[in-house]
Amino acid sequence: NIQIQKADSTDSGRYFANIDGDEAEMTYTKLGPALISIDHTFVPDSMRGKGVAQALALNAVEDARKTGWK
């Protein structure tokens, strides 16, 4: 089970996961009150093939549904 965390600021944020000292992340920019743009996704080689990018994306989709983001 991959533990995804979220860091959010006024105009941007990121979802991230740390495994064995390595970090994967997906960043986003808030374009309006209910609109975000996912800017960047990075998964280090050591974490590839383990579903980390999928977990990051699924967390963003889940948050979007809960908050009404598009």
PDB file of N, CA and C in Angstrom:
ATOM      1  N   ASN A   1       0.844  -1.185   0.000  1.00  0.00           N
ATOM      2  CA  ASN A   1       0.000   0.000   0.000  1.00  0.00           C
ATOM      3  C   ASN A   1       0.886   1.244   0.000  1.00  0.00           C
ATOM      4  N   ILE A   2       0.674   2.120  -0.951  1.00  0.00           N
ATOM      5  CA  ILE A   2       1.489   3.319  -1.114  1.00  0.00           C
ATOM      6  C   ILE A   2       0.843   4.470  -0.352  1.00  0.00           C
ATOM      7  N   GLN A   3       1.604   5.080   0.531  1.00  0.00           N
ATOM      8  CA  GLN A   3       1.113   6.204   1.330  1.00  0.00           C
ATOM      9  C   GLN A   3       1.336   7.501   0.561  1.00  0.00           C
ATOM     10  N   ILE A   4       0.257   8.151   0.137  1.00  0.00           N
ATOM     11  CA  ILE A   4       0.342   9.408  -0.596  1.00  0.00           C
ATOM     12  C   ILE A   4       0.044  10.554   0.362  1.00  0.00           C
ATOM     13  N   GLN A   5       0.871  11.579   0.305  1.00  0.00           N
ATOM     14  CA  GLN A   5       0.673  12.774   1.114  1.00  0.00           C
ATOM     15  C   GLN A   5       0.386  13.953   0.184  1.00  0.00           C
ATOM     16  N   LYS A   6      -0.172  15.004   0.749  1.00  0.00           N
ATOM     17  CA  LYS A   6      -0.507  16.190  -0.035  1.00  0.00           C
ATOM     18  C   LYS A   6       0.013  17.424   0.680  1.00  0.00           C
ATOM     19  N   ALA A   7       0.625  18.313  -0.075  1.00  0.00           N
ATOM     20  CA  ALA A   7       1.041  19.622   0.423  1.00  0.00           C
ATOM     21  C   ALA A   7       0.351  20.648  -0.461  1.00  0.00           C
ATOM     22  N   ASP A   8      -0.356  21.589   0.154  1.00  0.00           N
ATOM     23  CA  ASP A   8      -1.186  22.529  -0.593  1.00  0.00           C
ATOM     24  C   ASP A   8      -0.868  23.953  -0.153  1.00  0.00           C
ATOM     25  N   SER A   9      -0.760  24.861  -1.119  1.00  0.00           N
ATOM     26  CA  SER A   9      -0.586  26.277  -0.801  1.00  0.00           C
ATOM     27  C   SER A   9      -1.691  27.067  -1.497  1.00  0.00           C
ATOM     28  N   THR A  10      -1.614  28.359  -1.447  1.00  0.00           N
ATOM     29  CA  THR A  10      -2.659  29.202  -2.013  1.00  0.00           C
ATOM     30  C   THR A  10      -2.843  28.988  -3.511  1.00  0.00           C
ATOM     31  N   ASP A  11      -1.735  28.872  -4.246  1.00  0.00           N
ATOM     32  CA  ASP A  11      -1.838  28.804  -5.701  1.00  0.00           C
ATOM     33  C   ASP A  11      -1.304  27.528  -6.344  1.00  0.00           C
ATOM     34  N   SER A  12      -0.824  26.595  -5.534  1.00  0.00           N
ATOM     35  CA  SER A  12      -0.282  25.352  -6.092  1.00  0.00           C
ATOM     36  C   SER A  12      -0.248  24.274  -5.016  1.00  0.00           C
ATOM     37  N   GLY A  13       0.205  23.109  -5.415  1.00  0.00           N
ATOM     38  CA  GLY A  13       0.330  22.026  -4.456  1.00  0.00           C
ATOM     39  C   GLY A  13       0.991  20.825  -5.089  1.00  0.00           C
ATOM     40  N   ARG A  14       1.079  19.770  -4.305  1.00  0.00           N
ATOM     41  CA  ARG A  14       1.673  18.545  -4.821  1.00  0.00           C
ATOM     42  C   ARG A  14       1.206  17.353  -4.017  1.00  0.00           C
ATOM     43  N   TYR A  15       1.193  16.220  -4.677  1.00  0.00           N
ATOM     44  CA  TYR A  15       0.993  14.926  -4.046  1.00  0.00           C
ATOM     45  C   TYR A  15       2.346  14.246  -4.098  1.00  0.00           C
ATOM     46  N   PHE A  16       2.711  13.536  -3.033  1.00  0.00           N
ATOM     47  CA  PHE A  16       4.019  12.900  -3.035  1.00  0.00           C
ATOM     48  C   PHE A  16       4.015  11.631  -2.201  1.00  0.00           C
ATOM     49  N   ALA A  17       4.987  10.783  -2.499  1.00  0.00           N
ATOM     50  CA  ALA A  17       5.166   9.525  -1.772  1.00  0.00           C
ATOM     51  C   ALA A  17       6.654   9.330  -1.548  1.00  0.00           C
ATOM     52  N   ASN A  18       7.011   8.903  -0.347  1.00  0.00           N
ATOM     53  CA  ASN A  18       8.399   8.599  -0.016  1.00  0.00           C
ATOM     54  C   ASN A  18       8.518   7.111   0.272  1.00  0.00           C
ATOM     55  N   ILE A  19       9.439   6.465  -0.418  1.00  0.00           N
ATOM     56  CA  ILE A  19       9.702   5.043  -0.203  1.00  0.00           C
ATOM     57  C   ILE A  19      11.208   4.849  -0.165  1.00  0.00           C
ATOM     58  N   ASP A  20      11.699   4.326   0.950  1.00  0.00           N
ATOM     59  CA  ASP A  20      13.125   4.018   1.113  1.00  0.00           C
ATOM     60  C   ASP A  20      14.026   5.194   0.746  1.00  0.00           C
ATOM     61  N   GLY A  21      13.643   6.391   1.162  1.00  0.00           N
ATOM     62  CA  GLY A  21      14.468   7.569   0.942  1.00  0.00           C
ATOM     63  C   GLY A  21      14.301   8.246  -0.406  1.00  0.00           C
ATOM     64  N   ASP A  22      13.518   7.673  -1.301  1.00  0.00           N
ATOM     65  CA  ASP A  22      13.254   8.289  -2.603  1.00  0.00           C
ATOM     66  C   ASP A  22      11.862   8.909  -2.596  1.00  0.00           C
ATOM     67  N   GLU A  23      11.689   9.948  -3.406  1.00  0.00           N
ATOM     68  CA  GLU A  23      10.404  10.645  -3.443  1.00  0.00           C
ATOM     69  C   GLU A  23       9.869  10.752  -4.867  1.00  0.00           C
ATOM     70  N   ALA A  24       8.596  10.419  -5.014  1.00  0.00           N
ATOM     71  CA  ALA A  24       7.857  10.626  -6.261  1.00  0.00           C
ATOM     72  C   ALA A  24       6.887  11.766  -6.002  1.00  0.00           C
ATOM     73  N   GLU A  25       6.592  12.544  -7.045  1.00  0.00           N
ATOM     74  CA  GLU A  25       5.664  13.648  -6.841  1.00  0.00           C
ATOM     75  C   GLU A  25       4.874  13.957  -8.099  1.00  0.00           C
ATOM     76  N   MET A  26       3.738  14.586  -7.870  1.00  0.00           N
ATOM     77  CA  MET A  26       2.914  15.132  -8.935  1.00  0.00           C
ATOM     78  C   MET A  26       2.510  16.526  -8.475  1.00  0.00           C
ATOM     79  N   THR A  27       2.846  17.549  -9.261  1.00  0.00           N
ATOM     80  CA  THR A  27       2.559  18.926  -8.870  1.00  0.00           C
ATOM     81  C   THR A  27       1.385  19.478  -9.668  1.00  0.00           C
ATOM     82  N   TYR A  28       0.737  20.480  -9.094  1.00  0.00           N
ATOM     83  CA  TYR A  28      -0.382  21.124  -9.779  1.00  0.00           C
ATOM     84  C   TYR A  28      -0.416  22.612  -9.462  1.00  0.00           C
ATOM     85  N   THR A  29      -1.066  23.348 -10.350  1.00  0.00           N
ATOM     86  CA  THR A  29      -1.278  24.779 -10.187  1.00  0.00           C
ATOM     87  C   THR A  29      -2.776  25.032 -10.149  1.00  0.00           C
ATOM     88  N   LYS A  30      -3.202  25.887  -9.242  1.00  0.00           N
ATOM     89  CA  LYS A  30      -4.611  26.268  -9.170  1.00  0.00           C
ATOM     90  C   LYS A  30      -4.847  27.405 -10.161  1.00  0.00           C
ATOM     91  N   LEU A  31      -5.704  27.170 -11.129  1.00  0.00           N
ATOM     92  CA  LEU A  31      -5.996  28.163 -12.160  1.00  0.00           C
ATOM     93  C   LEU A  31      -7.219  29.004 -11.817  1.00  0.00           C
ATOM     94  N   GLY A  32      -7.985  28.562 -10.856  1.00  0.00           N
ATOM     95  CA  GLY A  32      -9.188  29.257 -10.416  1.00  0.00           C
ATOM     96  C   GLY A  32      -9.734  28.538  -9.207  1.00  0.00           C
ATOM     97  N   PRO A  33     -10.856  28.997  -8.666  1.00  0.00           N
ATOM     98  CA  PRO A  33     -11.412  28.391  -7.457  1.00  0.00           C
ATOM     99  C   PRO A  33     -11.746  26.906  -7.603  1.00  0.00           C
ATOM    100  N   ALA A  34     -12.078  26.478  -8.811  1.00  0.00           N
ATOM    101  CA  ALA A  34     -12.468  25.077  -9.002  1.00  0.00           C
ATOM    102  C   ALA A  34     -11.737  24.438 -10.179  1.00  0.00           C
ATOM    103  N   LEU A  35     -10.559  24.994 -10.531  1.00  0.00           N
ATOM    104  CA  LEU A  35      -9.832  24.480 -11.688  1.00  0.00           C
ATOM    105  C   LEU A  35      -8.353  24.339 -11.357  1.00  0.00           C
ATOM    106  N   ILE A  36      -7.805  23.144 -11.582  1.00  0.00           N
ATOM    107  CA  ILE A  36      -6.372  22.928 -11.396  1.00  0.00           C
ATOM    108  C   ILE A  36      -5.781  22.366 -12.685  1.00  0.00           C
ATOM    109  N   SER A  37      -4.473  22.530 -12.812  1.00  0.00           N
ATOM    110  CA  SER A  37      -3.725  21.953 -13.923  1.00  0.00           C
ATOM    111  C   SER A  37      -2.582  21.137 -13.341  1.00  0.00           C
ATOM    112  N   ILE A  38      -2.543  19.859 -13.657  1.00  0.00           N
ATOM    113  CA  ILE A  38      -1.429  19.022 -13.210  1.00  0.00           C
ATOM    114  C   ILE A  38      -0.254  19.327 -14.130  1.00  0.00           C
ATOM    115  N   ASP A  39       0.841  19.806 -13.523  1.00  0.00           N
ATOM    116  CA  ASP A  39       1.985  20.318 -14.274  1.00  0.00           C
ATOM    117  C   ASP A  39       3.065  19.279 -14.535  1.00  0.00           C
ATOM    118  N   HIS A  40       3.279  18.405 -13.579  1.00  0.00           N
ATOM    119  CA  HIS A  40       4.499  17.602 -13.613  1.00  0.00           C
ATOM    120  C   HIS A  40       4.306  16.347 -12.775  1.00  0.00           C
ATOM    121  N   THR A  41       4.830  15.249 -13.266  1.00  0.00           N
ATOM    122  CA  THR A  41       4.865  14.001 -12.500  1.00  0.00           C
ATOM    123  C   THR A  41       6.263  13.426 -12.620  1.00  0.00           C
ATOM    124  N   PHE A  42       6.826  13.021 -11.491  1.00  0.00           N
ATOM    125  CA  PHE A  42       8.148  12.395 -11.501  1.00  0.00           C
ATOM    126  C   PHE A  42       8.143  11.199 -10.568  1.00  0.00           C
ATOM    127  N   VAL A  43       8.642  10.078 -11.070  1.00  0.00           N
ATOM    128  CA  VAL A  43       8.816   8.867 -10.269  1.00  0.00           C
ATOM    129  C   VAL A  43      10.247   8.390 -10.500  1.00  0.00           C
ATOM    130  N   PRO A  44      11.068   8.308  -9.446  1.00  0.00           N
ATOM    131  CA  PRO A  44      12.442   7.856  -9.641  1.00  0.00           C
ATOM    132  C   PRO A  44      12.490   6.391 -10.088  1.00  0.00           C
ATOM    133  N   ASP A  45      13.587   6.027 -10.712  1.00  0.00           N
ATOM    134  CA  ASP A  45      13.752   4.657 -11.218  1.00  0.00           C
ATOM    135  C   ASP A  45      13.450   3.605 -10.158  1.00  0.00           C
ATOM    136  N   SER A  46      13.870   3.862  -8.928  1.00  0.00           N
ATOM    137  CA  SER A  46      13.696   2.872  -7.856  1.00  0.00           C
ATOM    138  C   SER A  46      12.236   2.603  -7.511  1.00  0.00           C
ATOM    139  N   MET A  47      11.336   3.500  -7.929  1.00  0.00           N
ATOM    140  CA  MET A  47       9.921   3.368  -7.585  1.00  0.00           C
ATOM    141  C   MET A  47       9.053   3.017  -8.792  1.00  0.00           C
ATOM    142  N   ARG A  48       9.659   2.911  -9.960  1.00  0.00           N
ATOM    143  CA  ARG A  48       8.887   2.646 -11.181  1.00  0.00           C
ATOM    144  C   ARG A  48       8.400   1.206 -11.221  1.00  0.00           C
ATOM    145  N   GLY A  49       7.240   1.031 -11.840  1.00  0.00           N
ATOM    146  CA  GLY A  49       6.662  -0.300 -11.963  1.00  0.00           C
ATOM    147  C   GLY A  49       5.946  -0.780 -10.712  1.00  0.00           C
ATOM    148  N   LYS A  50       5.751   0.111  -9.746  1.00  0.00           N
ATOM    149  CA  LYS A  50       5.120  -0.255  -8.476  1.00  0.00           C
ATOM    150  C   LYS A  50       3.758   0.408  -8.289  1.00  0.00           C
ATOM    151  N   GLY A  51       3.282   1.118  -9.312  1.00  0.00           N
ATOM    152  CA  GLY A  51       1.976   1.762  -9.222  1.00  0.00           C
ATOM    153  C   GLY A  51       1.979   3.107  -8.525  1.00  0.00           C
ATOM    154  N   VAL A  52       3.157   3.691  -8.341  1.00  0.00           N
ATOM    155  CA  VAL A  52       3.241   4.956  -7.614  1.00  0.00           C
ATOM    156  C   VAL A  52       2.592   6.096  -8.399  1.00  0.00           C
ATOM    157  N   ALA A  53       2.899   6.213  -9.683  1.00  0.00           N
ATOM    158  CA  ALA A  53       2.298   7.283 -10.495  1.00  0.00           C
ATOM    159  C   ALA A  53       0.777   7.139 -10.530  1.00  0.00           C
ATOM    160  N   GLN A  54       0.310   5.914 -10.632  1.00  0.00           N
ATOM    161  CA  GLN A  54      -1.135   5.677 -10.632  1.00  0.00           C
ATOM    162  C   GLN A  54      -1.745   6.113  -9.304  1.00  0.00           C
ATOM    163  N   ALA A  55      -1.081   5.806  -8.202  1.00  0.00           N
ATOM    164  CA  ALA A  55      -1.587   6.194  -6.888  1.00  0.00           C
ATOM    165  C   ALA A  55      -1.631   7.714  -6.744  1.00  0.00           C
ATOM    166  N   LEU A  56      -0.609   8.408  -7.246  1.00  0.00           N
ATOM    167  CA  LEU A  56      -0.611   9.873  -7.209  1.00  0.00           C
ATOM    168  C   LEU A  56      -1.805  10.421  -7.986  1.00  0.00           C
ATOM    169  N   ALA A  57      -2.010   9.901  -9.194  1.00  0.00           N
ATOM    170  CA  ALA A  57      -3.112  10.365 -10.045  1.00  0.00           C
ATOM    171  C   ALA A  57      -4.468  10.062  -9.424  1.00  0.00           C
ATOM    172  N   LEU A  58      -4.625   8.874  -8.874  1.00  0.00           N
ATOM    173  CA  LEU A  58      -5.905   8.508  -8.262  1.00  0.00           C
ATOM    174  C   LEU A  58      -6.230   9.399  -7.069  1.00  0.00           C
ATOM    175  N   ASN A  59      -5.210   9.779  -6.302  1.00  0.00           N
ATOM    176  CA  ASN A  59      -5.446  10.696  -5.181  1.00  0.00           C
ATOM    177  C   ASN A  59      -5.906  12.059  -5.677  1.00  0.00           C
ATOM    178  N   ALA A  60      -5.322  12.540  -6.771  1.00  0.00           N
ATOM    179  CA  ALA A  60      -5.744  13.823  -7.341  1.00  0.00           C
ATOM    180  C   ALA A  60      -7.185  13.751  -7.836  1.00  0.00           C
ATOM    181  N   VAL A  61      -7.540  12.666  -8.499  1.00  0.00           N
ATOM    182  CA  VAL A  61      -8.908  12.493  -8.999  1.00  0.00           C
ATOM    183  C   VAL A  61      -9.891  12.429  -7.836  1.00  0.00           C
ATOM    184  N   GLU A  62      -9.538  11.697  -6.800  1.00  0.00           N
ATOM    185  CA  GLU A  62     -10.411  11.588  -5.624  1.00  0.00           C
ATOM    186  C   GLU A  62     -10.622  12.956  -4.975  1.00  0.00           C
ATOM    187  N   ASP A  63      -9.538  13.721  -4.818  1.00  0.00           N
ATOM    188  CA  ASP A  63      -9.668  15.065  -4.249  1.00  0.00           C
ATOM    189  C   ASP A  63     -10.518  15.964  -5.140  1.00  0.00           C
ATOM    190  N   ALA A  64     -10.337  15.851  -6.458  1.00  0.00           N
ATOM    191  CA  ALA A  64     -11.123  16.667  -7.392  1.00  0.00           C
ATOM    192  C   ALA A  64     -12.612  16.378  -7.238  1.00  0.00           C
ATOM    193  N   ARG A  65     -12.945  15.125  -7.103  1.00  0.00           N
ATOM    194  CA  ARG A  65     -14.363  14.761  -6.925  1.00  0.00           C
ATOM    195  C   ARG A  65     -14.916  15.301  -5.614  1.00  0.00           C
ATOM    196  N   LYS A  66     -14.122  15.227  -4.556  1.00  0.00           N
ATOM    197  CA  LYS A  66     -14.571  15.689  -3.242  1.00  0.00           C
ATOM    198  C   LYS A  66     -14.743  17.205  -3.194  1.00  0.00           C
ATOM    199  N   THR A  67     -13.844  17.926  -3.873  1.00  0.00           N
ATOM    200  CA  THR A  67     -13.835  19.384  -3.763  1.00  0.00           C
ATOM    201  C   THR A  67     -14.497  20.098  -4.932  1.00  0.00           C
ATOM    202  N   GLY A  68     -14.829  19.359  -5.983  1.00  0.00           N
ATOM    203  CA  GLY A  68     -15.447  19.972  -7.147  1.00  0.00           C
ATOM    204  C   GLY A  68     -14.460  20.556  -8.137  1.00  0.00           C
ATOM    205  N   TRP A  69     -13.178  20.224  -7.984  1.00  0.00           N
ATOM    206  CA  TRP A  69     -12.171  20.689  -8.948  1.00  0.00           C
ATOM    207  C   TRP A  69     -12.409  20.059 -10.304  1.00  0.00           C
ATOM    208  N   LYS A  70     -11.937  20.732 -11.316  1.00  0.00           N
ATOM    209  CA  LYS A  70     -11.931  20.199 -12.679  1.00  0.00           C
ATOM    210  C   LYS A  70     -10.553  20.360 -13.247  1.00  0.00           C
TER     211      LYS A  70
END
